[in-house]
Amino acid sequence: MKVLVIGANGRVGSLLVNKLAAKHQVLAGSRNPNSANNAYNIERVYIDLLSDVDTLAESMSGADAVYFVSGSRGKNLLQIDLHGAIKTMQAAEKAGVKRYIMLSSVFALQPERWNESFLSNLADYNIAKHYADLYLTTQTKLNYTILQPGALKEERGTGKIETNVTSPGTNSIANVVDTLVAVLENNSTIGKVILMHDGNTPIDEALNQLG
C-alpha cells in the first residue's frame, strides 16, 4: 500500500513512518520535509495544514490510506488540530482515498468526562479534537478509524493494551504507534472509535475483541 502520514516529524509520526515502511510505501508528510532523509520505502513530502483542500488533495494523489497524527501542541488548535484535520478529510474524499486513520484523545467524543484527571487542563484541546472527530464520524464517507489514547509517555512499549477503557490512563508512545499500524491491517476496525491505554492484552487480540 501507499500510505500518507500527516505529522511525520512528530513524536508519534516519526516512529509510525519507520514502522509502516517495513510493509508499505510511506509518504512522510510535514511542513519541513528533508529529502536527504528519504530512506527505503519512505518519501518525504511537503504538507502544510494551512493549505486549501485542493492543494492537500494533490498531495494525497495515489495514496491508499491517510494517517492524521499531526498536532500543534496547543499553539494553533483551531487551524491545525481542528480545521486542518477536517481539510485533510475533505481532501481525502476529493482524492478518492477511502481509508483514514485519526489519532485523537481519550474521551474526545464524551464532553461529560473532560473534567477527569489530566483532561481537566486541556479544555481547548478537547474541544478541537471533539469537533474533528465528530466531523469524521458524521460528515464523511471515509472508512475511518479513530484511536483515542490517554496521556502519551516516552516509555518502552510492551505490545499490550486495553481497549475497554473506563478511565483516562497512560500510554507508551510505542504502544500507540504499534496500535496505529495494527489498525491498518485489521478491517474490523473500520468505522470504530477505539479508546486505549497500556494494559495486559496483546494489541492484535485487543483489536479483535472490539464489538
N, C-alpha and C. Protein backbone atom coordinates (compact mmCIF):
# COMPACT_ATOMS: atom_id res chain seq x y z
N MET A 1 0.84 -1.19 0.00
CA MET A 1 0.00 0.00 0.00
C MET A 1 0.87 1.24 0.00
N LYS A 2 0.31 2.34 -0.51
CA LYS A 2 0.95 3.64 -0.38
C LYS A 2 0.21 4.40 0.73
N VAL A 3 0.94 4.78 1.76
CA VAL A 3 0.32 5.34 2.96
C VAL A 3 0.91 6.72 3.24
N LEU A 4 0.03 7.71 3.38
CA LEU A 4 0.46 9.07 3.73
C LEU A 4 0.31 9.28 5.23
N VAL A 5 1.39 9.71 5.86
CA VAL A 5 1.37 10.06 7.28
C VAL A 5 1.48 11.56 7.40
N ILE A 6 0.42 12.20 7.90
CA ILE A 6 0.43 13.66 8.11
C ILE A 6 0.83 13.92 9.55
N GLY A 7 1.94 14.64 9.70
CA GLY A 7 2.51 14.85 11.02
C GLY A 7 3.72 13.95 11.22
N ALA A 8 4.45 13.72 10.13
CA ALA A 8 5.51 12.70 10.14
C ALA A 8 6.72 13.08 10.97
N ASN A 9 6.85 14.35 11.36
CA ASN A 9 8.02 14.75 12.15
C ASN A 9 7.75 14.74 13.65
N GLY A 10 6.53 14.41 14.05
CA GLY A 10 6.18 14.44 15.47
C GLY A 10 6.65 13.21 16.22
N ARG A 11 6.36 13.21 17.52
CA ARG A 11 6.80 12.09 18.36
C ARG A 11 6.17 10.78 17.92
N VAL A 12 4.89 10.81 17.60
CA VAL A 12 4.21 9.62 17.11
C VAL A 12 4.53 9.39 15.64
N GLY A 13 4.44 10.45 14.84
CA GLY A 13 4.59 10.33 13.40
C GLY A 13 5.93 9.78 12.97
N SER A 14 7.01 10.20 13.61
CA SER A 14 8.34 9.75 13.19
C SER A 14 8.49 8.25 13.42
N LEU A 15 7.99 7.75 14.54
CA LEU A 15 8.04 6.30 14.79
C LEU A 15 7.10 5.54 13.86
N LEU A 16 5.93 6.14 13.61
CA LEU A 16 4.94 5.49 12.76
C LEU A 16 5.46 5.31 11.34
N VAL A 17 6.10 6.33 10.81
CA VAL A 17 6.66 6.26 9.45
C VAL A 17 7.61 5.08 9.33
N ASN A 18 8.51 4.93 10.29
CA ASN A 18 9.50 3.86 10.22
C ASN A 18 8.87 2.49 10.37
N LYS A 19 7.86 2.38 11.22
CA LYS A 19 7.17 1.09 11.39
C LYS A 19 6.42 0.70 10.12
N LEU A 20 5.71 1.65 9.54
CA LEU A 20 4.93 1.37 8.34
C LEU A 20 5.82 0.99 7.17
N ALA A 21 7.00 1.60 7.11
CA ALA A 21 7.90 1.38 5.97
C ALA A 21 8.40 -0.05 5.88
N ALA A 22 8.23 -0.82 6.95
CA ALA A 22 8.62 -2.22 6.91
C ALA A 22 7.70 -3.03 5.98
N LYS A 23 6.48 -2.51 5.75
CA LYS A 23 5.50 -3.24 4.94
C LYS A 23 4.93 -2.44 3.77
N HIS A 24 5.02 -1.11 3.85
CA HIS A 24 4.31 -0.28 2.89
C HIS A 24 5.23 0.82 2.34
N GLN A 25 4.79 1.42 1.23
CA GLN A 25 5.43 2.63 0.73
C GLN A 25 4.85 3.80 1.50
N VAL A 26 5.68 4.61 2.10
CA VAL A 26 5.21 5.66 3.00
C VAL A 26 5.55 7.05 2.46
N LEU A 27 4.55 7.91 2.43
CA LEU A 27 4.75 9.33 2.17
C LEU A 27 4.75 10.02 3.52
N ALA A 28 5.89 10.56 3.91
CA ALA A 28 6.04 11.18 5.22
C ALA A 28 5.78 12.68 5.08
N GLY A 29 4.58 13.10 5.45
CA GLY A 29 4.15 14.47 5.21
C GLY A 29 4.40 15.41 6.37
N SER A 30 5.02 16.54 6.08
CA SER A 30 5.26 17.57 7.10
C SER A 30 5.55 18.90 6.43
N ARG A 31 5.58 19.96 7.22
CA ARG A 31 5.92 21.29 6.67
C ARG A 31 7.41 21.43 6.42
N ASN A 32 8.20 20.55 7.01
CA ASN A 32 9.65 20.65 6.87
C ASN A 32 10.24 19.32 6.40
N PRO A 33 9.87 18.90 5.19
CA PRO A 33 10.41 17.62 4.70
C PRO A 33 11.86 17.79 4.26
N ASN A 34 12.65 16.81 4.51
CA ASN A 34 14.06 16.83 4.09
C ASN A 34 14.32 15.61 3.23
N SER A 35 14.41 15.82 1.92
CA SER A 35 14.57 14.70 1.00
C SER A 35 15.85 13.93 1.27
N ALA A 36 16.80 14.58 1.97
CA ALA A 36 18.04 13.88 2.32
C ALA A 36 17.76 12.76 3.31
N ASN A 37 16.60 12.83 3.97
CA ASN A 37 16.23 11.79 4.93
C ASN A 37 15.37 10.70 4.32
N ASN A 38 15.18 10.76 3.00
CA ASN A 38 14.45 9.68 2.34
C ASN A 38 15.19 8.36 2.58
N ALA A 39 14.44 7.32 2.86
CA ALA A 39 15.02 6.01 3.11
C ALA A 39 14.20 4.97 2.37
N TYR A 40 14.57 3.72 2.50
CA TYR A 40 13.85 2.66 1.82
C TYR A 40 12.37 2.72 2.16
N ASN A 41 11.54 2.83 1.13
CA ASN A 41 10.07 2.88 1.27
C ASN A 41 9.55 4.17 1.91
N ILE A 42 10.40 5.17 2.11
CA ILE A 42 9.96 6.43 2.72
C ILE A 42 10.31 7.59 1.80
N GLU A 43 9.29 8.37 1.44
CA GLU A 43 9.49 9.59 0.65
C GLU A 43 8.97 10.77 1.46
N ARG A 44 9.82 11.76 1.67
CA ARG A 44 9.43 12.96 2.42
C ARG A 44 8.67 13.92 1.50
N VAL A 45 7.48 14.34 1.92
CA VAL A 45 6.66 15.22 1.10
C VAL A 45 6.19 16.42 1.91
N TYR A 46 5.95 17.51 1.20
CA TYR A 46 5.51 18.76 1.85
C TYR A 46 4.00 18.75 2.06
N ILE A 47 3.60 18.89 3.31
CA ILE A 47 2.19 19.03 3.68
C ILE A 47 2.06 20.19 4.65
N ASP A 48 1.28 21.19 4.29
CA ASP A 48 1.03 22.32 5.17
C ASP A 48 -0.47 22.36 5.45
N LEU A 49 -0.85 22.17 6.71
CA LEU A 49 -2.27 22.11 7.06
C LEU A 49 -2.97 23.46 6.95
N LEU A 50 -2.22 24.50 6.67
CA LEU A 50 -2.84 25.80 6.40
C LEU A 50 -3.20 25.93 4.92
N SER A 51 -2.81 24.93 4.11
CA SER A 51 -3.14 24.95 2.68
C SER A 51 -4.63 24.71 2.48
N ASP A 52 -5.10 24.99 1.25
CA ASP A 52 -6.50 24.73 0.96
C ASP A 52 -6.71 23.25 0.63
N VAL A 53 -7.98 22.87 0.53
CA VAL A 53 -8.34 21.47 0.33
C VAL A 53 -7.77 20.93 -0.98
N ASP A 54 -7.84 21.72 -2.05
CA ASP A 54 -7.34 21.25 -3.35
C ASP A 54 -5.85 20.92 -3.29
N THR A 55 -5.08 21.79 -2.63
CA THR A 55 -3.64 21.56 -2.51
C THR A 55 -3.36 20.30 -1.71
N LEU A 56 -4.10 20.12 -0.62
CA LEU A 56 -3.92 18.91 0.19
C LEU A 56 -4.31 17.66 -0.60
N ALA A 57 -5.37 17.77 -1.39
CA ALA A 57 -5.81 16.62 -2.19
C ALA A 57 -4.74 16.20 -3.19
N GLU A 58 -4.04 17.18 -3.78
CA GLU A 58 -2.97 16.86 -4.73
C GLU A 58 -1.87 16.05 -4.04
N SER A 59 -1.61 16.38 -2.78
CA SER A 59 -0.57 15.67 -2.03
C SER A 59 -0.96 14.23 -1.74
N MET A 60 -2.24 13.93 -1.80
CA MET A 60 -2.74 12.59 -1.48
C MET A 60 -2.92 11.72 -2.72
N SER A 61 -2.62 12.26 -3.88
CA SER A 61 -2.83 11.52 -5.12
C SER A 61 -2.11 10.18 -5.09
N GLY A 62 -2.85 9.12 -5.34
CA GLY A 62 -2.27 7.78 -5.38
C GLY A 62 -2.17 7.08 -4.05
N ALA A 63 -2.51 7.77 -2.97
CA ALA A 63 -2.43 7.14 -1.64
C ALA A 63 -3.59 6.18 -1.44
N ASP A 64 -3.33 5.11 -0.73
CA ASP A 64 -4.37 4.14 -0.38
C ASP A 64 -4.95 4.41 1.01
N ALA A 65 -4.18 5.07 1.85
CA ALA A 65 -4.63 5.35 3.22
C ALA A 65 -3.93 6.60 3.72
N VAL A 66 -4.60 7.30 4.63
CA VAL A 66 -4.07 8.51 5.24
C VAL A 66 -4.12 8.36 6.76
N TYR A 67 -3.01 8.66 7.40
CA TYR A 67 -2.98 8.80 8.86
C TYR A 67 -2.91 10.29 9.20
N PHE A 68 -3.71 10.71 10.15
CA PHE A 68 -3.57 12.07 10.69
C PHE A 68 -3.07 11.95 12.12
N VAL A 69 -1.79 12.27 12.32
CA VAL A 69 -1.19 12.22 13.65
C VAL A 69 -0.53 13.55 13.99
N SER A 70 -0.96 14.59 13.28
CA SER A 70 -0.38 15.92 13.46
C SER A 70 -1.03 16.62 14.65
N GLY A 71 -0.34 17.61 15.17
CA GLY A 71 -0.89 18.43 16.24
C GLY A 71 -0.04 19.66 16.46
N SER A 72 -0.66 20.72 16.92
CA SER A 72 0.07 21.97 17.15
C SER A 72 0.64 22.06 18.56
N ARG A 73 0.38 21.05 19.38
CA ARG A 73 0.80 21.05 20.79
C ARG A 73 0.32 22.32 21.49
N GLY A 74 -0.93 22.67 21.17
CA GLY A 74 -1.58 23.79 21.84
C GLY A 74 -1.31 25.15 21.24
N LYS A 75 -0.50 25.23 20.18
CA LYS A 75 -0.11 26.52 19.65
C LYS A 75 -1.07 27.07 18.60
N ASN A 76 -1.81 26.18 17.95
CA ASN A 76 -2.72 26.63 16.89
C ASN A 76 -3.85 25.62 16.75
N LEU A 77 -4.62 25.45 17.82
CA LEU A 77 -5.61 24.39 17.90
C LEU A 77 -6.69 24.52 16.83
N LEU A 78 -7.14 25.73 16.56
CA LEU A 78 -8.21 25.90 15.60
C LEU A 78 -7.76 25.58 14.17
N GLN A 79 -6.63 26.14 13.77
CA GLN A 79 -6.21 26.00 12.37
C GLN A 79 -5.54 24.66 12.06
N ILE A 80 -4.92 24.02 13.06
CA ILE A 80 -4.22 22.76 12.83
C ILE A 80 -5.04 21.57 13.33
N ASP A 81 -5.28 21.52 14.62
CA ASP A 81 -5.91 20.35 15.23
C ASP A 81 -7.38 20.20 14.82
N LEU A 82 -8.04 21.31 14.56
CA LEU A 82 -9.45 21.23 14.16
C LEU A 82 -9.62 21.41 12.66
N HIS A 83 -9.44 22.65 12.17
CA HIS A 83 -9.73 22.91 10.76
C HIS A 83 -8.74 22.19 9.84
N GLY A 84 -7.48 22.13 10.23
CA GLY A 84 -6.50 21.41 9.42
C GLY A 84 -6.87 19.95 9.27
N ALA A 85 -7.29 19.33 10.36
CA ALA A 85 -7.71 17.93 10.31
C ALA A 85 -8.90 17.75 9.38
N ILE A 86 -9.89 18.61 9.52
CA ILE A 86 -11.09 18.49 8.70
C ILE A 86 -10.76 18.69 7.21
N LYS A 87 -9.88 19.61 6.91
CA LYS A 87 -9.49 19.80 5.50
C LYS A 87 -8.84 18.54 4.94
N THR A 88 -8.07 17.81 5.75
CA THR A 88 -7.47 16.59 5.23
C THR A 88 -8.52 15.52 4.98
N MET A 89 -9.58 15.52 5.74
CA MET A 89 -10.69 14.58 5.48
C MET A 89 -11.37 14.93 4.16
N GLN A 90 -11.63 16.21 3.98
CA GLN A 90 -12.26 16.66 2.73
C GLN A 90 -11.34 16.37 1.54
N ALA A 91 -10.04 16.58 1.75
CA ALA A 91 -9.07 16.32 0.68
C ALA A 91 -8.99 14.83 0.35
N ALA A 92 -9.04 13.99 1.38
CA ALA A 92 -9.00 12.55 1.15
C ALA A 92 -10.18 12.11 0.29
N GLU A 93 -11.36 12.64 0.59
CA GLU A 93 -12.54 12.29 -0.21
C GLU A 93 -12.38 12.80 -1.64
N LYS A 94 -11.84 14.00 -1.77
CA LYS A 94 -11.65 14.58 -3.10
C LYS A 94 -10.64 13.78 -3.91
N ALA A 95 -9.62 13.25 -3.23
CA ALA A 95 -8.56 12.49 -3.91
C ALA A 95 -8.93 11.02 -4.11
N GLY A 96 -10.08 10.62 -3.59
CA GLY A 96 -10.51 9.24 -3.75
C GLY A 96 -9.86 8.27 -2.79
N VAL A 97 -9.28 8.79 -1.70
CA VAL A 97 -8.69 7.93 -0.67
C VAL A 97 -9.82 7.48 0.26
N LYS A 98 -9.95 6.20 0.46
CA LYS A 98 -11.05 5.69 1.28
C LYS A 98 -10.69 5.52 2.76
N ARG A 99 -9.46 5.08 3.02
CA ARG A 99 -9.07 4.71 4.39
C ARG A 99 -8.43 5.90 5.09
N TYR A 100 -8.94 6.22 6.27
CA TYR A 100 -8.47 7.39 7.01
C TYR A 100 -8.39 7.02 8.49
N ILE A 101 -7.20 7.19 9.07
CA ILE A 101 -6.97 6.82 10.47
C ILE A 101 -6.55 8.06 11.24
N MET A 102 -7.32 8.37 12.26
CA MET A 102 -7.12 9.59 13.05
C MET A 102 -6.59 9.26 14.44
N LEU A 103 -5.53 9.94 14.84
CA LEU A 103 -5.07 9.88 16.23
C LEU A 103 -5.75 11.01 16.99
N SER A 104 -6.53 10.65 17.98
CA SER A 104 -7.29 11.64 18.74
C SER A 104 -6.88 11.59 20.21
N SER A 105 -7.84 11.80 21.09
CA SER A 105 -7.57 11.85 22.53
C SER A 105 -8.70 11.15 23.28
N VAL A 106 -8.35 10.51 24.36
CA VAL A 106 -9.33 9.74 25.12
C VAL A 106 -10.54 10.59 25.51
N PHE A 107 -11.72 10.04 25.30
CA PHE A 107 -13.00 10.67 25.63
C PHE A 107 -13.27 11.95 24.83
N ALA A 108 -12.61 12.11 23.68
CA ALA A 108 -12.82 13.32 22.89
C ALA A 108 -14.28 13.49 22.48
N LEU A 109 -15.00 12.40 22.32
CA LEU A 109 -16.41 12.47 21.93
C LEU A 109 -17.35 12.40 23.11
N GLN A 110 -16.80 12.51 24.33
CA GLN A 110 -17.61 12.45 25.54
C GLN A 110 -17.29 13.65 26.44
N PRO A 111 -17.84 14.81 26.10
CA PRO A 111 -17.51 16.03 26.85
C PRO A 111 -17.81 15.94 28.34
N GLU A 112 -18.76 15.11 28.71
CA GLU A 112 -19.11 14.99 30.12
C GLU A 112 -17.97 14.41 30.96
N ARG A 113 -16.92 13.90 30.30
CA ARG A 113 -15.80 13.29 31.02
C ARG A 113 -14.54 14.15 31.00
N TRP A 114 -14.65 15.36 30.47
CA TRP A 114 -13.46 16.18 30.31
C TRP A 114 -12.96 16.80 31.61
N ASN A 115 -13.68 16.60 32.70
CA ASN A 115 -13.20 17.12 33.99
C ASN A 115 -12.37 16.09 34.74
N GLU A 116 -12.10 14.93 34.11
CA GLU A 116 -11.39 13.86 34.79
C GLU A 116 -9.89 13.95 34.57
N SER A 117 -9.15 13.68 35.64
CA SER A 117 -7.71 13.51 35.57
C SER A 117 -7.05 14.66 34.81
N PHE A 118 -6.07 14.35 33.95
CA PHE A 118 -5.31 15.37 33.21
C PHE A 118 -6.16 16.09 32.18
N LEU A 119 -7.32 15.54 31.82
CA LEU A 119 -8.16 16.16 30.80
C LEU A 119 -8.69 17.52 31.25
N SER A 120 -8.80 17.72 32.54
CA SER A 120 -9.39 18.97 33.05
C SER A 120 -8.53 20.19 32.71
N ASN A 121 -7.27 19.96 32.35
CA ASN A 121 -6.37 21.07 31.99
C ASN A 121 -6.26 21.27 30.49
N LEU A 122 -7.07 20.54 29.71
CA LEU A 122 -6.93 20.55 28.26
C LEU A 122 -8.23 20.90 27.56
N ALA A 123 -8.98 21.83 28.12
CA ALA A 123 -10.32 22.11 27.60
C ALA A 123 -10.31 22.48 26.12
N ASP A 124 -9.46 23.41 25.71
CA ASP A 124 -9.46 23.85 24.31
C ASP A 124 -9.02 22.73 23.37
N TYR A 125 -8.04 21.94 23.81
CA TYR A 125 -7.59 20.80 23.01
C TYR A 125 -8.72 19.77 22.86
N ASN A 126 -9.41 19.50 23.96
CA ASN A 126 -10.52 18.55 23.90
C ASN A 126 -11.61 19.02 22.94
N ILE A 127 -11.88 20.31 22.94
CA ILE A 127 -12.90 20.85 22.05
C ILE A 127 -12.48 20.67 20.59
N ALA A 128 -11.21 20.98 20.29
CA ALA A 128 -10.73 20.83 18.92
C ALA A 128 -10.83 19.38 18.46
N LYS A 129 -10.37 18.45 19.30
CA LYS A 129 -10.43 17.04 18.94
C LYS A 129 -11.87 16.55 18.84
N HIS A 130 -12.73 17.05 19.69
CA HIS A 130 -14.15 16.66 19.68
C HIS A 130 -14.78 16.94 18.32
N TYR A 131 -14.62 18.16 17.85
CA TYR A 131 -15.31 18.53 16.61
C TYR A 131 -14.63 17.93 15.37
N ALA A 132 -13.33 17.69 15.44
CA ALA A 132 -12.67 16.98 14.33
C ALA A 132 -13.17 15.54 14.26
N ASP A 133 -13.24 14.88 15.40
CA ASP A 133 -13.75 13.51 15.44
C ASP A 133 -15.21 13.45 15.02
N LEU A 134 -15.97 14.42 15.48
CA LEU A 134 -17.40 14.45 15.14
C LEU A 134 -17.60 14.62 13.64
N TYR A 135 -16.80 15.48 13.04
CA TYR A 135 -16.90 15.68 11.59
C TYR A 135 -16.57 14.38 10.85
N LEU A 136 -15.50 13.73 11.27
CA LEU A 136 -15.07 12.50 10.60
C LEU A 136 -16.15 11.42 10.67
N THR A 137 -16.80 11.30 11.81
CA THR A 137 -17.76 10.22 12.01
C THR A 137 -19.13 10.52 11.42
N THR A 138 -19.46 11.79 11.24
CA THR A 138 -20.83 12.12 10.81
C THR A 138 -20.92 12.82 9.45
N GLN A 139 -19.83 13.43 8.99
CA GLN A 139 -19.90 14.25 7.79
C GLN A 139 -19.07 13.72 6.63
N THR A 140 -18.45 12.56 6.79
CA THR A 140 -17.66 11.98 5.70
C THR A 140 -18.15 10.56 5.41
N LYS A 141 -17.72 10.05 4.28
CA LYS A 141 -17.99 8.65 3.92
C LYS A 141 -16.69 7.84 3.92
N LEU A 142 -15.70 8.35 4.62
CA LEU A 142 -14.41 7.68 4.69
C LEU A 142 -14.51 6.41 5.53
N ASN A 143 -13.67 5.43 5.20
CA ASN A 143 -13.53 4.24 6.03
C ASN A 143 -12.57 4.59 7.18
N TYR A 144 -13.13 5.18 8.19
CA TYR A 144 -12.31 5.78 9.25
C TYR A 144 -12.09 4.81 10.41
N THR A 145 -11.01 5.07 11.12
CA THR A 145 -10.80 4.56 12.47
C THR A 145 -10.24 5.71 13.28
N ILE A 146 -10.79 5.92 14.46
CA ILE A 146 -10.27 6.93 15.37
C ILE A 146 -9.67 6.23 16.58
N LEU A 147 -8.40 6.49 16.85
CA LEU A 147 -7.74 5.93 18.02
C LEU A 147 -7.62 7.02 19.08
N GLN A 148 -8.16 6.75 20.26
CA GLN A 148 -8.20 7.74 21.34
C GLN A 148 -7.42 7.25 22.55
N PRO A 149 -6.10 7.49 22.58
CA PRO A 149 -5.31 7.13 23.77
C PRO A 149 -5.37 8.23 24.82
N GLY A 150 -4.98 7.87 26.04
CA GLY A 150 -4.80 8.88 27.08
C GLY A 150 -3.44 9.53 26.94
N ALA A 151 -2.88 9.97 28.07
CA ALA A 151 -1.61 10.69 28.06
C ALA A 151 -0.50 9.85 27.45
N LEU A 152 0.33 10.49 26.62
CA LEU A 152 1.43 9.80 25.95
C LEU A 152 2.71 9.92 26.77
N LYS A 153 3.39 8.80 26.93
CA LYS A 153 4.63 8.76 27.70
C LYS A 153 5.75 8.18 26.85
N GLU A 154 6.93 8.71 26.99
CA GLU A 154 8.09 8.19 26.27
C GLU A 154 8.70 7.05 27.08
N GLU A 155 8.00 5.92 27.01
CA GLU A 155 8.41 4.72 27.73
C GLU A 155 8.54 3.55 26.76
N ARG A 156 9.18 2.51 27.20
CA ARG A 156 9.34 1.31 26.37
C ARG A 156 7.97 0.67 26.12
N GLY A 157 7.72 0.28 24.89
CA GLY A 157 6.46 -0.36 24.56
C GLY A 157 6.42 -1.79 25.05
N THR A 158 5.22 -2.24 25.40
CA THR A 158 5.02 -3.61 25.87
C THR A 158 4.29 -4.47 24.85
N GLY A 159 3.65 -3.80 23.85
CA GLY A 159 2.84 -4.54 22.89
C GLY A 159 1.52 -4.99 23.47
N LYS A 160 1.18 -4.47 24.66
CA LYS A 160 -0.07 -4.86 25.32
C LYS A 160 -0.85 -3.63 25.74
N ILE A 161 -2.15 -3.65 25.46
CA ILE A 161 -3.02 -2.50 25.72
C ILE A 161 -4.35 -2.96 26.28
N GLU A 162 -5.20 -2.01 26.60
CA GLU A 162 -6.60 -2.29 26.91
C GLU A 162 -7.46 -1.34 26.07
N THR A 163 -8.55 -1.85 25.53
CA THR A 163 -9.48 -1.02 24.78
C THR A 163 -10.82 -0.88 25.49
N ASN A 164 -11.00 -1.62 26.57
CA ASN A 164 -12.20 -1.48 27.39
C ASN A 164 -11.92 -0.41 28.45
N VAL A 165 -11.83 0.82 27.99
CA VAL A 165 -11.32 1.92 28.82
C VAL A 165 -12.43 2.54 29.65
N THR A 166 -12.19 2.61 30.95
CA THR A 166 -13.16 3.25 31.86
C THR A 166 -12.60 4.50 32.51
N SER A 167 -11.28 4.70 32.40
CA SER A 167 -10.66 5.90 32.96
C SER A 167 -9.49 6.29 32.06
N PRO A 168 -9.09 7.57 32.09
CA PRO A 168 -8.03 8.06 31.18
C PRO A 168 -6.65 7.67 31.66
N GLY A 169 -6.18 6.50 31.24
CA GLY A 169 -4.86 6.02 31.64
C GLY A 169 -3.75 6.51 30.73
N THR A 170 -2.53 6.05 31.01
CA THR A 170 -1.36 6.47 30.24
C THR A 170 -1.03 5.45 29.16
N ASN A 171 -0.26 5.91 28.17
CA ASN A 171 0.12 5.09 27.02
C ASN A 171 1.56 5.35 26.65
N SER A 172 2.35 4.29 26.47
CA SER A 172 3.66 4.49 25.87
C SER A 172 3.45 4.85 24.40
N ILE A 173 4.25 5.77 23.91
CA ILE A 173 4.13 6.17 22.51
C ILE A 173 4.34 4.96 21.60
N ALA A 174 5.24 4.07 21.98
CA ALA A 174 5.50 2.88 21.18
C ALA A 174 4.25 2.01 21.04
N ASN A 175 3.49 1.87 22.13
CA ASN A 175 2.25 1.08 22.07
C ASN A 175 1.21 1.75 21.18
N VAL A 176 1.14 3.06 21.23
CA VAL A 176 0.21 3.79 20.38
C VAL A 176 0.59 3.60 18.91
N VAL A 177 1.86 3.70 18.60
CA VAL A 177 2.33 3.53 17.22
C VAL A 177 2.03 2.11 16.74
N ASP A 178 2.33 1.12 17.55
CA ASP A 178 2.07 -0.27 17.15
C ASP A 178 0.58 -0.52 16.96
N THR A 179 -0.25 0.15 17.74
CA THR A 179 -1.70 0.01 17.58
C THR A 179 -2.15 0.68 16.29
N LEU A 180 -1.61 1.84 15.98
CA LEU A 180 -1.95 2.51 14.72
C LEU A 180 -1.58 1.64 13.52
N VAL A 181 -0.44 1.00 13.56
CA VAL A 181 -0.02 0.11 12.48
C VAL A 181 -0.99 -1.07 12.37
N ALA A 182 -1.34 -1.65 13.51
CA ALA A 182 -2.23 -2.81 13.52
C ALA A 182 -3.62 -2.47 13.00
N VAL A 183 -4.07 -1.25 13.25
CA VAL A 183 -5.39 -0.81 12.78
C VAL A 183 -5.48 -0.89 11.26
N LEU A 184 -4.41 -0.50 10.57
CA LEU A 184 -4.42 -0.52 9.12
C LEU A 184 -4.57 -1.93 8.58
N GLU A 185 -4.05 -2.89 9.31
CA GLU A 185 -4.08 -4.28 8.86
C GLU A 185 -5.38 -4.98 9.23
N ASN A 186 -6.22 -4.35 10.03
CA ASN A 186 -7.40 -5.01 10.59
C ASN A 186 -8.66 -4.29 10.14
N ASN A 187 -9.35 -4.83 9.15
CA ASN A 187 -10.53 -4.16 8.60
C ASN A 187 -11.70 -4.11 9.57
N SER A 188 -11.66 -4.92 10.63
CA SER A 188 -12.74 -4.86 11.61
C SER A 188 -12.71 -3.58 12.43
N THR A 189 -11.62 -2.80 12.28
CA THR A 189 -11.53 -1.52 13.00
C THR A 189 -12.18 -0.38 12.22
N ILE A 190 -12.58 -0.64 10.98
CA ILE A 190 -13.20 0.41 10.17
C ILE A 190 -14.54 0.81 10.79
N GLY A 191 -14.73 2.13 10.89
CA GLY A 191 -15.97 2.64 11.47
C GLY A 191 -15.98 2.62 12.98
N LYS A 192 -14.79 2.43 13.60
CA LYS A 192 -14.72 2.31 15.05
C LYS A 192 -13.98 3.49 15.67
N VAL A 193 -14.42 3.86 16.86
CA VAL A 193 -13.69 4.78 17.73
C VAL A 193 -13.11 3.92 18.84
N ILE A 194 -11.78 3.86 18.91
CA ILE A 194 -11.11 2.93 19.82
C ILE A 194 -10.41 3.72 20.93
N LEU A 195 -10.90 3.57 22.15
CA LEU A 195 -10.22 4.16 23.29
C LEU A 195 -9.18 3.16 23.78
N MET A 196 -8.04 3.65 24.28
CA MET A 196 -6.99 2.73 24.70
C MET A 196 -6.14 3.32 25.81
N HIS A 197 -5.52 2.43 26.55
CA HIS A 197 -4.37 2.76 27.39
C HIS A 197 -3.53 1.49 27.54
N ASP A 198 -2.33 1.63 28.07
CA ASP A 198 -1.48 0.47 28.26
C ASP A 198 -2.19 -0.55 29.15
N GLY A 199 -1.94 -1.82 28.87
CA GLY A 199 -2.63 -2.85 29.64
C GLY A 199 -1.96 -4.19 29.54
N ASN A 200 -2.78 -5.24 29.51
CA ASN A 200 -2.26 -6.61 29.57
C ASN A 200 -2.68 -7.48 28.39
N THR A 201 -3.34 -6.89 27.39
CA THR A 201 -3.85 -7.66 26.26
C THR A 201 -3.01 -7.36 25.03
N PRO A 202 -2.47 -8.38 24.35
CA PRO A 202 -1.73 -8.13 23.11
C PRO A 202 -2.56 -7.30 22.14
N ILE A 203 -1.90 -6.39 21.42
CA ILE A 203 -2.60 -5.41 20.59
C ILE A 203 -3.57 -6.07 19.61
N ASP A 204 -3.11 -7.05 18.85
CA ASP A 204 -3.99 -7.69 17.87
C ASP A 204 -5.20 -8.32 18.54
N GLU A 205 -4.98 -8.94 19.67
CA GLU A 205 -6.10 -9.56 20.40
C GLU A 205 -7.08 -8.49 20.89
N ALA A 206 -6.55 -7.39 21.40
CA ALA A 206 -7.41 -6.31 21.88
C ALA A 206 -8.28 -5.74 20.76
N LEU A 207 -7.69 -5.58 19.57
CA LEU A 207 -8.46 -5.07 18.44
C LEU A 207 -9.49 -6.08 17.97
N ASN A 208 -9.16 -7.35 18.02
CA ASN A 208 -10.11 -8.38 17.58
C ASN A 208 -11.28 -8.53 18.55
N GLN A 209 -11.12 -8.03 19.78
CA GLN A 209 -12.17 -8.13 20.77
C GLN A 209 -13.17 -6.97 20.68
N LEU A 210 -12.90 -6.01 19.79
CA LEU A 210 -13.79 -4.86 19.68
C LEU A 210 -15.17 -5.31 19.22
N GLY A 211 -16.20 -4.69 19.79
CA GLY A 211 -17.55 -5.05 19.40
C GLY A 211 -17.93 -4.48 18.05
